């Protein structure tokens, strides 16, 4: 990886988001990512009782950076994220709720750009 490239992991906590999860994943994979390297996109299924895990898993078959974690238990968003933060290898973690869409193709760039300044440790969007 080039030195000026920022590596990111995208975490998506999801509980029963079958109506939107594929749309969100597509909006992420269509981002302009100059100076960004996406290590992985992790869908954190939290006790889903619908087809969220299956739809995300099917999406992952054609998008190798997408991974689905689904143990069938309901732990809550907070615990899912704490566990996920321990696993990531990238410089930055970006969290998107499972019920949103990225509004334009430069969202990841806009969120990661401030991290070029080493004094920045948190950005909200």
Protein backbone atom coordinates (compact mmCIF):
# COMPACT_ATOMS: atom_id res chain seq x y z
CA UNK A 1 0.00 0.00 0.00
CA UNK A 2 1.24 3.50 -0.85
CA UNK A 3 2.17 5.72 2.13
CA UNK A 4 -0.50 8.36 1.41
CA UNK A 5 -3.27 5.80 1.17
CA UNK A 6 -5.61 5.62 4.18
CA UNK A 7 -6.84 2.14 5.01
CA UNK A 8 -10.39 1.85 6.29
CA UNK A 9 -12.72 -0.80 7.60
CA UNK A 10 -16.44 -0.20 7.31
CA UNK A 11 -18.61 -1.64 10.07
CA UNK A 12 -22.36 -2.03 9.58
CA UNK A 13 -24.31 -3.08 12.66
CA UNK A 14 -27.60 -4.48 11.38
CA UNK A 15 -30.76 -5.81 12.95
CA UNK A 16 -33.49 -6.79 10.48
CA UNK A 17 -32.34 -4.56 7.64
CA UNK A 18 -33.32 -6.81 4.72
CA UNK A 19 -35.15 -3.92 3.01
CA UNK A 20 -31.97 -1.83 2.76
CA UNK A 21 -28.78 -3.82 3.35
CA UNK A 22 -28.06 -4.52 -0.34
CA UNK A 23 -28.76 -0.89 -1.26
CA UNK A 24 -26.31 0.27 1.42
CA UNK A 25 -23.63 -2.19 0.31
CA UNK A 26 -24.06 -1.09 -3.30
CA UNK A 27 -23.77 2.57 -2.32
CA UNK A 28 -20.52 1.77 -0.50
CA UNK A 29 -19.01 -0.23 -3.37
CA UNK A 30 -19.80 2.62 -5.81
CA UNK A 31 -17.77 5.19 -3.86
CA UNK A 32 -14.88 7.14 -5.40
CA UNK A 33 -11.94 5.96 -3.35
CA UNK A 34 -8.84 7.86 -4.36
CA UNK A 35 -6.31 7.82 -1.50
CA UNK A 36 -8.47 5.26 0.34
CA UNK A 37 -8.02 1.53 0.60
CA UNK A 38 -11.01 -0.42 1.90
CA UNK A 39 -9.61 -3.33 3.93
CA UNK A 40 -13.05 -4.81 4.45
CA UNK A 41 -16.73 -4.12 4.89
CA UNK A 42 -18.19 -6.07 7.80
CA UNK A 43 -21.92 -6.55 8.28
CA UNK A 44 -22.50 -7.21 11.98
CA UNK A 45 -25.80 -9.06 12.11
CA UNK A 46 -27.35 -8.71 15.54
CA UNK A 47 -29.99 -11.37 16.08
CA UNK A 48 -31.64 -10.79 12.73
CA UNK A 49 -34.92 -12.64 12.27
CA UNK A 50 -35.30 -11.67 8.61
CA UNK A 51 -33.09 -12.22 5.54
CA UNK A 52 -30.47 -9.55 6.31
CA UNK A 53 -27.64 -12.06 6.80
CA UNK A 54 -28.56 -14.08 3.72
CA UNK A 55 -28.82 -11.01 1.47
CA UNK A 56 -25.51 -9.61 2.73
CA UNK A 57 -23.87 -13.01 2.35
CA UNK A 58 -25.13 -13.32 -1.23
CA UNK A 59 -23.71 -9.85 -1.94
CA UNK A 60 -20.35 -10.95 -0.50
CA UNK A 61 -20.07 -13.71 -3.13
CA UNK A 62 -19.40 -11.06 -5.79
CA UNK A 63 -17.69 -8.50 -3.52
CA UNK A 64 -14.80 -10.16 -1.73
CA UNK A 65 -14.21 -7.34 0.75
CA UNK A 66 -17.69 -7.80 2.23
CA UNK A 67 -17.87 -10.14 5.22
CA UNK A 68 -20.91 -11.09 7.26
CA UNK A 69 -20.73 -11.96 10.95
CA UNK A 70 -23.88 -13.71 12.10
CA UNK A 71 -23.95 -15.81 15.24
CA UNK A 72 -27.74 -15.57 15.63
CA UNK A 73 -27.51 -13.81 19.01
CA UNK A 74 -28.92 -10.41 19.92
CA UNK A 75 -26.16 -8.51 21.74
CA UNK A 76 -27.01 -4.94 20.79
CA UNK A 77 -25.24 -2.42 18.60
CA UNK A 78 -22.83 -1.27 21.31
CA UNK A 79 -21.46 -4.74 22.08
CA UNK A 80 -21.26 -5.68 18.39
CA UNK A 81 -19.18 -2.58 17.67
CA UNK A 82 -16.86 -3.05 20.66
CA UNK A 83 -16.15 -6.61 19.52
CA UNK A 84 -15.62 -5.48 15.92
CA UNK A 85 -13.23 -2.67 16.86
CA UNK A 86 -10.94 -5.32 18.37
CA UNK A 87 -10.77 -7.17 15.03
CA UNK A 88 -9.99 -4.44 12.52
CA UNK A 89 -6.56 -4.04 10.97
CA UNK A 90 -7.01 -0.72 9.21
CA UNK A 91 -6.10 2.80 10.32
CA UNK A 92 -9.70 4.00 10.43
CA UNK A 93 -13.06 2.45 11.26
CA UNK A 94 -16.16 3.94 9.70
CA UNK A 95 -19.56 2.94 11.08
CA UNK A 96 -22.73 3.11 9.02
CA UNK A 97 -26.09 1.98 10.40
CA UNK A 98 -27.75 -0.65 8.25
CA UNK A 99 -30.72 1.56 7.45
CA UNK A 100 -28.94 4.38 5.59
CA UNK A 101 -27.69 5.07 2.07
CA UNK A 102 -24.61 7.10 1.21
CA UNK A 103 -25.84 10.36 -0.29
CA UNK A 104 -23.14 10.82 -2.92
CA UNK A 105 -20.10 8.95 -4.32
CA UNK A 106 -17.58 10.96 -2.26
CA UNK A 107 -18.81 10.20 1.27
CA UNK A 108 -15.87 7.92 2.13
CA UNK A 109 -13.40 10.44 0.76
CA UNK A 110 -15.01 13.28 2.76
CA UNK A 111 -15.04 11.23 5.98
CA UNK A 112 -11.45 10.03 5.66
CA UNK A 113 -9.83 13.23 4.37
CA UNK A 114 -9.52 14.93 7.81
CA UNK A 115 -7.40 12.00 9.04
CA UNK A 116 -4.52 13.24 6.91
CA UNK A 117 -3.98 15.58 9.87
CA UNK A 118 -2.46 13.37 12.60
CA UNK A 119 -4.15 15.46 15.32
CA UNK A 120 -7.57 14.27 14.13
CA UNK A 121 -8.89 11.14 15.84
CA UNK A 122 -12.66 11.35 15.30
CA UNK A 123 -14.87 12.60 12.46
CA UNK A 124 -18.68 12.66 12.28
CA UNK A 125 -20.79 12.91 9.19
